[in-house]
Protein backbone atom coordinates (compact mmCIF):
# COMPACT_ATOMS: atom_id res chain seq x y z
CA UNK A 1 112.92 -154.22 39.16
CA UNK A 2 110.74 -154.59 41.38
CA UNK A 3 112.98 -155.57 44.31
CA UNK A 4 109.94 -158.08 46.17
CA UNK A 5 109.18 -159.89 42.58
CA UNK A 6 113.23 -160.56 42.44
CA UNK A 7 113.31 -161.99 45.56
CA UNK A 8 109.88 -163.83 44.94
CA UNK A 9 111.26 -165.01 41.40
CA UNK A 10 114.73 -166.74 43.60
CA UNK A 11 112.18 -168.44 45.83
CA UNK A 12 110.47 -170.29 43.35
CA UNK A 13 114.08 -170.71 41.21
CA UNK A 14 115.13 -172.43 44.75
CA UNK A 15 112.28 -174.24 44.97
CA UNK A 16 112.28 -175.84 41.68
CA UNK A 17 115.88 -176.54 42.03
CA UNK A 18 115.46 -178.17 45.43
CA UNK A 19 112.52 -180.57 43.84
CA UNK A 20 114.56 -181.23 40.49
CA UNK A 21 117.67 -182.77 43.14
CA UNK A 22 115.74 -184.44 45.71
CA UNK A 23 112.34 -185.59 43.56
CA UNK A 24 114.80 -185.84 40.79
CA UNK A 25 117.19 -188.96 42.42
CA UNK A 26 113.93 -190.85 43.53
CA UNK A 27 112.31 -190.63 39.93
CA UNK A 28 115.53 -191.96 38.71
CA UNK A 29 115.67 -194.38 40.80
CA UNK A 30 111.76 -195.80 39.80
CA UNK A 31 113.40 -194.99 36.11
CA UNK A 32 116.07 -197.70 36.72
CA UNK A 33 114.04 -200.55 37.92
CA UNK A 34 112.05 -200.62 35.03
CA UNK A 35 116.23 -201.76 33.64
CA UNK A 36 116.33 -204.83 37.08
CA UNK A 37 115.69 -207.70 36.07
CA UNK A 38 115.89 -209.37 39.45
CA UNK A 39 112.90 -208.41 41.87
CA UNK A 40 114.41 -208.49 45.42
CA UNK A 41 117.43 -205.99 43.84
CA UNK A 42 113.91 -203.60 42.70
CA UNK A 43 112.61 -204.39 46.51
CA UNK A 44 115.67 -202.77 47.92
CA UNK A 45 116.42 -199.90 45.00
CA UNK A 46 112.71 -198.32 46.00
CA UNK A 47 112.93 -198.82 49.68
CA UNK A 48 115.82 -196.30 50.06
CA UNK A 49 114.14 -194.32 48.93
CA UNK A 50 111.20 -194.98 50.91
CA UNK A 51 111.98 -192.52 54.03
CA UNK A 52 111.72 -189.20 51.27
CA UNK A 53 109.91 -190.02 47.72
CA UNK A 54 106.33 -188.64 48.74
CA UNK A 55 108.02 -184.98 50.97
CA UNK A 56 110.80 -184.94 48.08
CA UNK A 57 107.39 -183.43 46.18
CA UNK A 58 106.54 -180.73 48.10
CA UNK A 59 108.82 -179.14 46.80
CA UNK A 60 106.73 -178.77 43.60
CA UNK A 61 103.49 -177.58 44.92
CA UNK A 62 105.86 -175.14 46.80
CA UNK A 63 107.28 -173.63 43.78
CA UNK A 64 103.65 -174.09 41.10
CA UNK A 65 101.95 -172.16 44.07
CA UNK A 66 104.32 -169.29 44.99
CA UNK A 67 103.92 -168.68 41.02
CA UNK A 68 100.70 -168.40 41.30
CA UNK A 69 100.52 -165.81 44.71
CA UNK A 70 103.11 -163.74 43.74
CA UNK A 71 102.78 -163.66 39.71
CA UNK A 72 99.94 -164.88 38.55
CA UNK A 73 99.69 -162.86 35.06
CA UNK A 74 102.95 -165.64 34.08
CA UNK A 75 101.10 -168.82 35.51
CA UNK A 76 97.68 -167.43 33.63
CA UNK A 77 100.51 -167.35 30.58
CA UNK A 78 101.66 -170.86 30.76
CA UNK A 79 99.31 -172.14 32.11
CA UNK A 80 96.95 -172.55 29.21
CA UNK A 81 100.18 -173.42 26.79
CA UNK A 82 101.22 -176.62 28.91
CA UNK A 83 98.39 -177.59 30.21
CA UNK A 84 98.29 -180.89 28.22
CA UNK A 85 102.28 -181.57 29.92
CA UNK A 86 100.99 -179.99 32.96
CA UNK A 87 97.64 -183.29 32.90
CA UNK A 88 100.40 -185.58 32.14
CA UNK A 89 102.56 -185.05 34.22
CA UNK A 90 100.13 -184.98 37.54
CA UNK A 91 98.81 -188.33 36.47
CA UNK A 92 102.25 -189.87 35.80
CA UNK A 93 102.73 -188.81 39.54
CA UNK A 94 99.61 -190.15 40.89
CA UNK A 95 100.17 -192.89 38.96
CA UNK A 96 103.50 -193.80 40.88
CA UNK A 97 102.71 -192.66 44.04
CA UNK A 98 99.53 -195.37 43.84
CA UNK A 99 102.39 -198.13 42.28
CA UNK A 100 104.07 -197.40 45.12
CA UNK A 101 102.33 -198.39 48.05
CA UNK A 102 100.40 -201.32 46.17
CA UNK A 103 103.74 -202.48 44.75
CA UNK A 104 104.75 -203.56 49.13
CA UNK A 105 101.62 -204.80 49.32
CA UNK A 106 100.04 -206.68 46.75
CA UNK A 107 101.43 -210.71 45.62
CA UNK A 108 100.87 -211.46 41.78
CA UNK A 109 99.43 -208.39 40.73
CA UNK A 110 103.33 -206.70 42.51
CA UNK A 111 105.12 -207.09 38.65
CA UNK A 112 102.40 -204.43 37.49
CA UNK A 113 102.91 -202.13 40.23
CA UNK A 114 106.85 -202.36 39.67
CA UNK A 115 106.21 -201.57 36.31
CA UNK A 116 103.39 -198.70 36.83
CA UNK A 117 105.88 -197.28 39.07
CA UNK A 118 109.38 -197.00 36.90
CA UNK A 119 106.59 -196.18 33.57
CA UNK A 120 105.04 -193.06 36.45
CA UNK A 121 108.48 -192.16 36.92
CA UNK A 122 109.80 -191.75 33.31
CA UNK A 123 107.24 -190.34 31.89
CA UNK A 124 106.66 -187.94 34.69
CA UNK A 125 111.13 -187.08 34.07
CA UNK A 126 110.07 -186.68 30.00
CA UNK A 127 107.70 -183.63 30.54
CA UNK A 128 109.32 -182.57 32.94
CA UNK A 129 112.38 -181.68 30.35
CA UNK A 130 110.07 -181.28 27.97
CA UNK A 131 108.29 -178.73 30.00
CA UNK A 132 112.08 -177.06 30.76
CA UNK A 133 112.60 -177.06 26.93
CA UNK A 134 110.06 -174.85 26.48
CA UNK A 135 111.50 -172.25 28.66
CA UNK A 136 114.75 -172.91 27.18
CA UNK A 137 113.41 -171.78 23.66
CA UNK A 138 110.79 -168.82 24.51
CA UNK A 139 106.95 -169.53 24.63
CA UNK A 140 104.86 -168.93 21.42
CA UNK A 141 103.03 -165.68 21.05
CA UNK A 142 99.75 -165.95 21.15
CA UNK A 143 97.48 -164.67 18.31
CA UNK A 144 94.09 -163.57 19.39
CA UNK A 145 94.80 -164.80 22.83
CA UNK A 146 94.48 -168.93 21.01
CA UNK A 147 98.10 -171.10 20.80
CA UNK A 148 98.03 -174.28 19.62
CA UNK A 149 97.45 -177.53 21.44
CA UNK A 150 100.71 -179.12 21.35
CA UNK A 151 103.22 -175.26 20.55
CA UNK A 152 104.45 -177.03 23.63
CA UNK A 153 106.48 -180.15 20.92
CA UNK A 154 109.19 -179.71 19.44
CA UNK A 155 112.41 -182.10 18.65
CA UNK A 156 114.51 -179.62 21.01
CA UNK A 157 111.74 -180.52 23.93
CA UNK A 158 111.95 -184.40 22.89
CA UNK A 159 114.89 -183.60 23.18
CA UNK A 160 115.55 -182.15 26.76
CA UNK A 161 113.11 -184.71 28.12
CA UNK A 162 114.48 -187.87 27.26
CA UNK A 163 118.18 -185.47 28.26
CA UNK A 164 116.85 -185.30 32.09
CA UNK A 165 115.51 -188.48 32.31
CA UNK A 166 118.87 -190.02 32.01
CA UNK A 167 119.92 -186.87 34.41
CA UNK A 168 116.91 -188.14 36.85
CA UNK A 169 118.87 -191.87 36.04
CA UNK A 170 122.31 -190.66 37.00
CA UNK A 171 120.91 -189.36 40.52
CA UNK A 172 119.23 -192.08 41.19
CA UNK A 173 122.31 -194.12 40.48
CA UNK A 174 124.57 -192.64 42.21
CA UNK A 175 121.91 -192.38 45.37
CA UNK A 176 122.13 -196.07 45.38
CA UNK A 177 126.10 -195.84 45.55
CA UNK A 178 126.02 -193.97 48.60
CA UNK A 179 123.36 -196.37 49.87
CA UNK A 180 123.86 -199.50 48.87
CA UNK A 181 126.90 -202.14 49.13
CA UNK A 182 128.39 -205.12 47.35
CA UNK A 183 126.37 -206.60 44.10
CA UNK A 184 123.00 -203.78 43.58
CA UNK A 185 126.11 -200.70 44.51
CA UNK A 186 128.93 -202.56 41.73
CA UNK A 187 125.50 -202.53 39.44
CA UNK A 188 124.73 -198.22 40.45
CA UNK A 189 128.81 -197.99 39.42
CA UNK A 190 128.16 -199.63 35.99
CA UNK A 191 124.43 -197.77 35.48
CA UNK A 192 125.90 -194.16 36.97
CA UNK A 193 129.16 -194.81 33.85
CA UNK A 194 126.35 -195.10 31.46
CA UNK A 195 123.99 -192.49 32.64
CA UNK A 196 127.10 -189.94 33.14
CA UNK A 197 128.88 -190.49 29.66
CA UNK A 198 125.11 -189.88 27.76
CA UNK A 199 124.50 -186.81 29.52
CA UNK A 200 127.70 -185.66 28.72
CA UNK A 201 126.99 -185.78 25.32
CA UNK A 202 122.89 -184.54 25.61
CA UNK A 203 124.52 -181.56 27.77
CA UNK A 204 127.67 -181.00 24.81
CA UNK A 205 124.14 -180.95 21.91
CA UNK A 206 121.94 -178.97 23.51
CA UNK A 207 124.49 -176.22 24.80
CA UNK A 208 125.05 -175.84 21.00
CA UNK A 209 121.55 -176.37 20.25
CA UNK A 210 120.11 -173.36 22.68
CA UNK A 211 121.49 -170.36 20.57
CA UNK A 212 119.94 -171.19 17.55
CA UNK A 213 115.91 -172.23 18.81
CA UNK A 214 116.08 -168.70 20.85
CA UNK A 215 118.56 -165.77 19.26
CA UNK A 216 118.15 -163.95 22.45
CA UNK A 217 120.29 -166.95 23.95
CA UNK A 218 122.53 -166.54 21.35
CA UNK A 219 123.26 -162.78 22.07
CA UNK A 220 123.63 -163.51 25.61
CA UNK A 221 126.50 -166.34 25.36
CA UNK A 222 128.28 -165.04 22.92
CA UNK A 223 128.59 -161.15 23.09
CA UNK A 224 132.00 -160.37 23.14
CA UNK A 225 131.97 -158.27 26.82
CA UNK A 226 130.43 -161.35 28.65
CA UNK A 227 131.53 -164.18 27.28
CA UNK A 228 134.90 -164.31 28.84
CA UNK A 229 132.60 -164.29 32.24
CA UNK A 230 130.08 -166.74 31.34
CA UNK A 231 132.87 -168.80 29.31
CA UNK A 232 133.63 -170.46 33.23
CA UNK A 233 130.36 -171.82 33.10
CA UNK A 234 130.09 -174.52 30.76
CA UNK A 235 134.62 -175.47 31.55
CA UNK A 236 133.85 -175.60 35.39
CA UNK A 237 130.73 -178.29 34.25
CA UNK A 238 133.37 -179.95 31.96
CA UNK A 239 135.51 -180.31 34.99
CA UNK A 240 133.16 -181.43 36.79
CA UNK A 241 132.14 -184.32 34.67
CA UNK A 242 135.68 -185.82 34.36
CA UNK A 243 135.45 -185.06 38.03
CA UNK A 244 132.77 -187.72 38.69
CA UNK A 245 133.50 -189.98 35.67
CA UNK A 246 136.98 -190.32 38.23
CA UNK A 247 135.15 -190.42 41.50
CA UNK A 248 133.26 -193.23 39.39
CA UNK A 249 136.71 -195.32 38.87
CA UNK A 250 137.83 -195.64 41.94
CA UNK A 251 134.31 -196.22 43.41
CA UNK A 252 133.82 -193.15 45.83
CA UNK A 253 130.46 -193.53 47.43
CA UNK A 254 128.89 -190.30 48.30
CA UNK A 255 131.49 -187.89 46.04
CA UNK A 256 129.34 -189.17 42.58
CA UNK A 257 125.81 -188.34 44.68
CA UNK A 258 127.75 -184.49 45.03
CA UNK A 259 129.22 -184.28 42.25
CA UNK A 260 126.25 -184.68 40.03
CA UNK A 261 124.57 -182.48 41.54
CA UNK A 262 126.87 -179.77 41.99
CA UNK A 263 126.72 -180.11 37.15
CA UNK A 264 123.07 -179.93 37.76
CA UNK A 265 123.25 -176.71 39.43
CA UNK A 266 125.97 -175.32 37.15
CA UNK A 267 123.07 -176.19 34.39
CA UNK A 268 120.78 -174.60 36.40
CA UNK A 269 122.75 -171.53 36.77
CA UNK A 270 123.57 -171.95 32.24
CA UNK A 271 119.90 -172.19 32.34
CA UNK A 272 118.69 -168.51 34.42
CA UNK A 273 121.08 -166.83 32.63
CA UNK A 274 119.76 -167.53 29.36
CA UNK A 275 116.64 -166.73 30.54
CA UNK A 276 116.96 -163.39 32.85
CA UNK A 277 115.34 -161.50 33.14
CA UNK A 278 111.60 -163.67 31.05
CA UNK A 279 109.86 -165.52 33.68
CA UNK A 280 108.07 -166.59 30.95
CA UNK A 281 110.78 -166.78 28.24
CA UNK A 282 110.72 -163.95 25.11
CA UNK A 283 107.25 -163.66 26.32
CA UNK A 284 106.47 -161.82 29.64
CA UNK A 285 109.88 -160.22 32.14
CA UNK A 286 109.38 -160.11 35.68
CA UNK A 287 108.79 -156.82 35.68
CA UNK A 288 105.73 -157.11 33.57
CA UNK A 289 104.64 -160.47 35.12
CA UNK A 290 104.86 -158.01 38.79
CA UNK A 291 103.39 -154.45 37.15
């Protein structure tokens, strides 16, 4: 396998996980504002990401540009299949950006812009999860160079989308725990507990579902030779969930955010193991894309 191609895959993978973590917590805060009734509380929540939210999205641009520059064949394969979800995601991020700016300046229309900010956040998170689900289950092989406009939409990918929404909300609530005090922090602890439990259930469901949507994943994870080693990942993830829950119960402030990042990293590692060596899963390998 081309060493330069592997290096580029590593850079793209690094950009993606940086985006997921950094933009994930501010998307999560946007999602949480939809379920916060008090206007003052919403303002404080949004103010915690004021210096960071636009810069975090740079990682998404870097990852997309790197994929186009290093693997144009992969980019040209994925884009037609995911054209609609990518268009929806970009539109949601644009709506979110406009709403963020207008929310701080508007008076009478402020509630509208706050809703638009939250709606743009949850829509972007949902679509990102749906696209992630497509990479897990694999892309359809085009027939005569043509795929259906909605091949990207399936029960499995929608479940992945909803799961990522709660995952981002978990990151956002943990960010608020570290950045706020008193009643807002207590609300954040409560939201984090709810999100952690739901994320745990989704992680369990998707872990059991994935081998049935892709035979390659089943073979990879349930191989007699590799199973003892790979089993350490779900075991470690379970221990992190329990540790995270304990950190919330004793009301640590920074530890929950760090632990939620660690959970995302282990899930990302599991995703990488499931899809390797494909850059367009089940359709185009890294070697084929770089050839």
